[in-house]
Every structure is written in structure tokens, then in C-alpha cells.
C-alpha atoms as a PDB file:
ATOM      1  CA  MET A   1     -11.967  -5.033 -23.526  1.00  0.00           C
ATOM      2  CA  THR A   2      -8.719  -3.379 -24.574  1.00  0.00           C
ATOM      3  CA  THR A   3      -7.304  -3.353 -28.067  1.00  0.00           C
ATOM      4  CA  THR A   4      -4.773  -1.265 -29.953  1.00  0.00           C
ATOM      5  CA  SER A   5      -5.293  -1.450 -33.696  1.00  0.00           C
ATOM      6  CA  THR A   6      -4.731   1.442 -36.082  1.00  0.00           C
ATOM      7  CA  THR A   7      -7.424   2.668 -38.470  1.00  0.00           C
ATOM      8  CA  SER A   8      -6.881   4.098 -41.940  1.00  0.00           C
ATOM      9  CA  GLU A   9      -7.208   7.617 -40.480  1.00  0.00           C
ATOM     10  CA  GLY A  10      -4.198   7.026 -38.237  1.00  0.00           C
ATOM     11  CA  LEU A  11      -6.329   6.653 -35.122  1.00  0.00           C
ATOM     12  CA  VAL A  12      -5.805   3.832 -32.658  1.00  0.00           C
ATOM     13  CA  ILE A  13      -8.612   1.861 -31.059  1.00  0.00           C
ATOM     14  CA  ILE A  14      -7.649   1.784 -27.411  1.00  0.00           C
ATOM     15  CA  GLN A  15     -10.808   0.472 -25.785  1.00  0.00           C
ATOM     16  CA  ALA A  16     -14.122  -1.160 -26.652  1.00  0.00           C
ATOM     17  CA  TYR A  17     -17.225  -0.811 -24.499  1.00  0.00           C
ATOM     18  CA  ASN A  18     -20.391  -2.901 -24.364  1.00  0.00           C
ATOM     19  CA  THR A  19     -22.570   0.195 -23.937  1.00  0.00           C
ATOM     20  CA  SER A  20     -22.404   3.630 -25.483  1.00  0.00           C
ATOM     21  CA  ILE A  21     -22.831   5.169 -22.012  1.00  0.00           C
ATOM     22  CA  GLU A  22     -19.547   3.666 -20.797  1.00  0.00           C
ATOM     23  CA  ALA A  23     -17.843   4.878 -23.966  1.00  0.00           C
ATOM     24  CA  GLU A  24     -19.235   8.400 -23.562  1.00  0.00           C
ATOM     25  CA  ILE A  25     -17.907   8.586 -19.996  1.00  0.00           C
ATOM     26  CA  ALA A  26     -14.424   7.571 -21.147  1.00  0.00           C
ATOM     27  CA  LYS A  27     -14.582  10.020 -24.067  1.00  0.00           C
ATOM     28  CA  SER A  28     -15.611  12.810 -21.714  1.00  0.00           C
ATOM     29  CA  LEU A  29     -12.612  12.103 -19.485  1.00  0.00           C
ATOM     30  CA  LEU A  30     -10.195  12.239 -22.412  1.00  0.00           C
ATOM     31  CA  ASP A  31     -11.873  15.333 -23.861  1.00  0.00           C
ATOM     32  CA  SER A  32     -11.495  17.140 -20.540  1.00  0.00           C
ATOM     33  CA  ALA A  33      -7.789  16.230 -20.508  1.00  0.00           C
ATOM     34  CA  GLY A  34      -7.368  17.780 -23.964  1.00  0.00           C
ATOM     35  CA  ILE A  35      -6.869  14.480 -25.770  1.00  0.00           C
ATOM     36  CA  PHE A  36      -8.590  14.228 -29.161  1.00  0.00           C
ATOM     37  CA  CYS A  37     -10.770  11.149 -29.296  1.00  0.00           C
ATOM     38  CA  THR A  38     -13.752   9.840 -31.165  1.00  0.00           C
ATOM     39  CA  LEU A  39     -16.218   6.982 -30.880  1.00  0.00           C
ATOM     40  CA  GLN A  40     -16.968   4.399 -33.523  1.00  0.00           C
ATOM     41  CA  GLY A  41     -20.037   2.172 -33.571  1.00  0.00           C
ATOM     42  CA  GLU A  42     -21.898   3.970 -30.778  1.00  0.00           C
ATOM     43  CA  TYR A  43     -25.189   3.833 -32.674  1.00  0.00           C
ATOM     44  CA  LEU A  44     -24.947   0.132 -33.469  1.00  0.00           C
ATOM     45  CA  SER A  45     -24.396  -0.687 -29.807  1.00  0.00           C
ATOM     46  CA  THR A  46     -27.706   0.971 -28.917  1.00  0.00           C
ATOM     47  CA  ILE A  47     -29.668  -0.992 -31.528  1.00  0.00           C
ATOM     48  CA  TYR A  48     -28.283  -4.506 -31.079  1.00  0.00           C
ATOM     49  CA  ALA A  49     -27.774  -6.749 -28.064  1.00  0.00           C
ATOM     50  CA  ILE A  50     -25.109  -5.771 -25.537  1.00  0.00           C
ATOM     51  CA  GLY A  51     -21.718  -6.891 -26.768  1.00  0.00           C
ATOM     52  CA  ALA A  52     -22.814  -7.588 -30.353  1.00  0.00           C
ATOM     53  CA  PHE A  53     -21.267  -4.352 -31.655  1.00  0.00           C
ATOM     54  CA  PRO A  54     -19.054  -2.737 -28.999  1.00  0.00           C
ATOM     55  CA  THR A  55     -18.483   1.004 -29.116  1.00  0.00           C
ATOM     56  CA  GLN A  56     -14.809   1.689 -29.830  1.00  0.00           C
ATOM     57  CA  LEU A  57     -12.826   4.600 -28.426  1.00  0.00           C
ATOM     58  CA  LEU A  58     -10.134   5.930 -30.763  1.00  0.00           C
ATOM     59  CA  VAL A  59      -7.272   8.375 -30.155  1.00  0.00           C
ATOM     60  CA  ARG A  60      -4.291   9.631 -32.134  1.00  0.00           C
ATOM     61  CA  LYS A  61      -1.273   7.341 -32.072  1.00  0.00           C
ATOM     62  CA  GLU A  62       0.809   9.855 -30.135  1.00  0.00           C
ATOM     63  CA  ASP A  63      -1.854  10.044 -27.386  1.00  0.00           C
ATOM     64  CA  VAL A  64      -2.265   6.317 -26.751  1.00  0.00           C
ATOM     65  CA  GLU A  65      -0.021   6.088 -23.692  1.00  0.00           C
ATOM     66  CA  GLU A  66      -1.517   9.122 -21.917  1.00  0.00           C
ATOM     67  CA  ALA A  67      -5.075   8.103 -22.783  1.00  0.00           C
ATOM     68  CA  MET A  68      -4.542   4.584 -21.440  1.00  0.00           C
ATOM     69  CA  ARG A  69      -3.071   5.996 -18.233  1.00  0.00           C
ATOM     70  CA  LEU A  70      -6.099   8.242 -17.718  1.00  0.00           C
ATOM     71  CA  LEU A  71      -8.565   5.465 -18.433  1.00  0.00           C
ATOM     72  CA  GLU A  72      -6.916   3.219 -15.860  1.00  0.00           C
ATOM     73  CA  GLU A  73      -7.937   5.746 -13.204  1.00  0.00           C
ATOM     74  CA  ILE A  74     -11.657   5.260 -13.778  1.00  0.00           C
END
């Protein structure tokens, strides 16, 4: 699931994952590339049914294009 909405902190949600494990893998990839990112909702996705509360991956607006390119490779 891909989305690109901006939060109040100026971060952009670029991807949503059904499990926190998938989100952590994507975050690790971006971290290793030097792209600041954070997860939102990772704890809710472990408590509730898969897909009820997806874990969202957020990056800075200026990093969206590069982050999306990197995520396409996995």
C-alpha cells in the first residue's frame, strides 16, 4: 500500500505495511542509505489483526523520491 500524505511535522507517509516486520526492513534499508525515516503505528499493528492498523513509514519531503526509488528495489 503506497500513500503520500504529509503530517504536521513535515514528514510524508510513503508506505504502509500490514506487519511491523515489513516496515522495519524498509526502515533499515532507508537508514542504511542515510535517509531519515520513522515508523508510525508499529505497536498497534502488533496488537490488532493484520491490516487493521498498518505501520506507516515516513520520510522528509525532500527525501520522498529517493526513498521510493530504494524501496522499489526490495
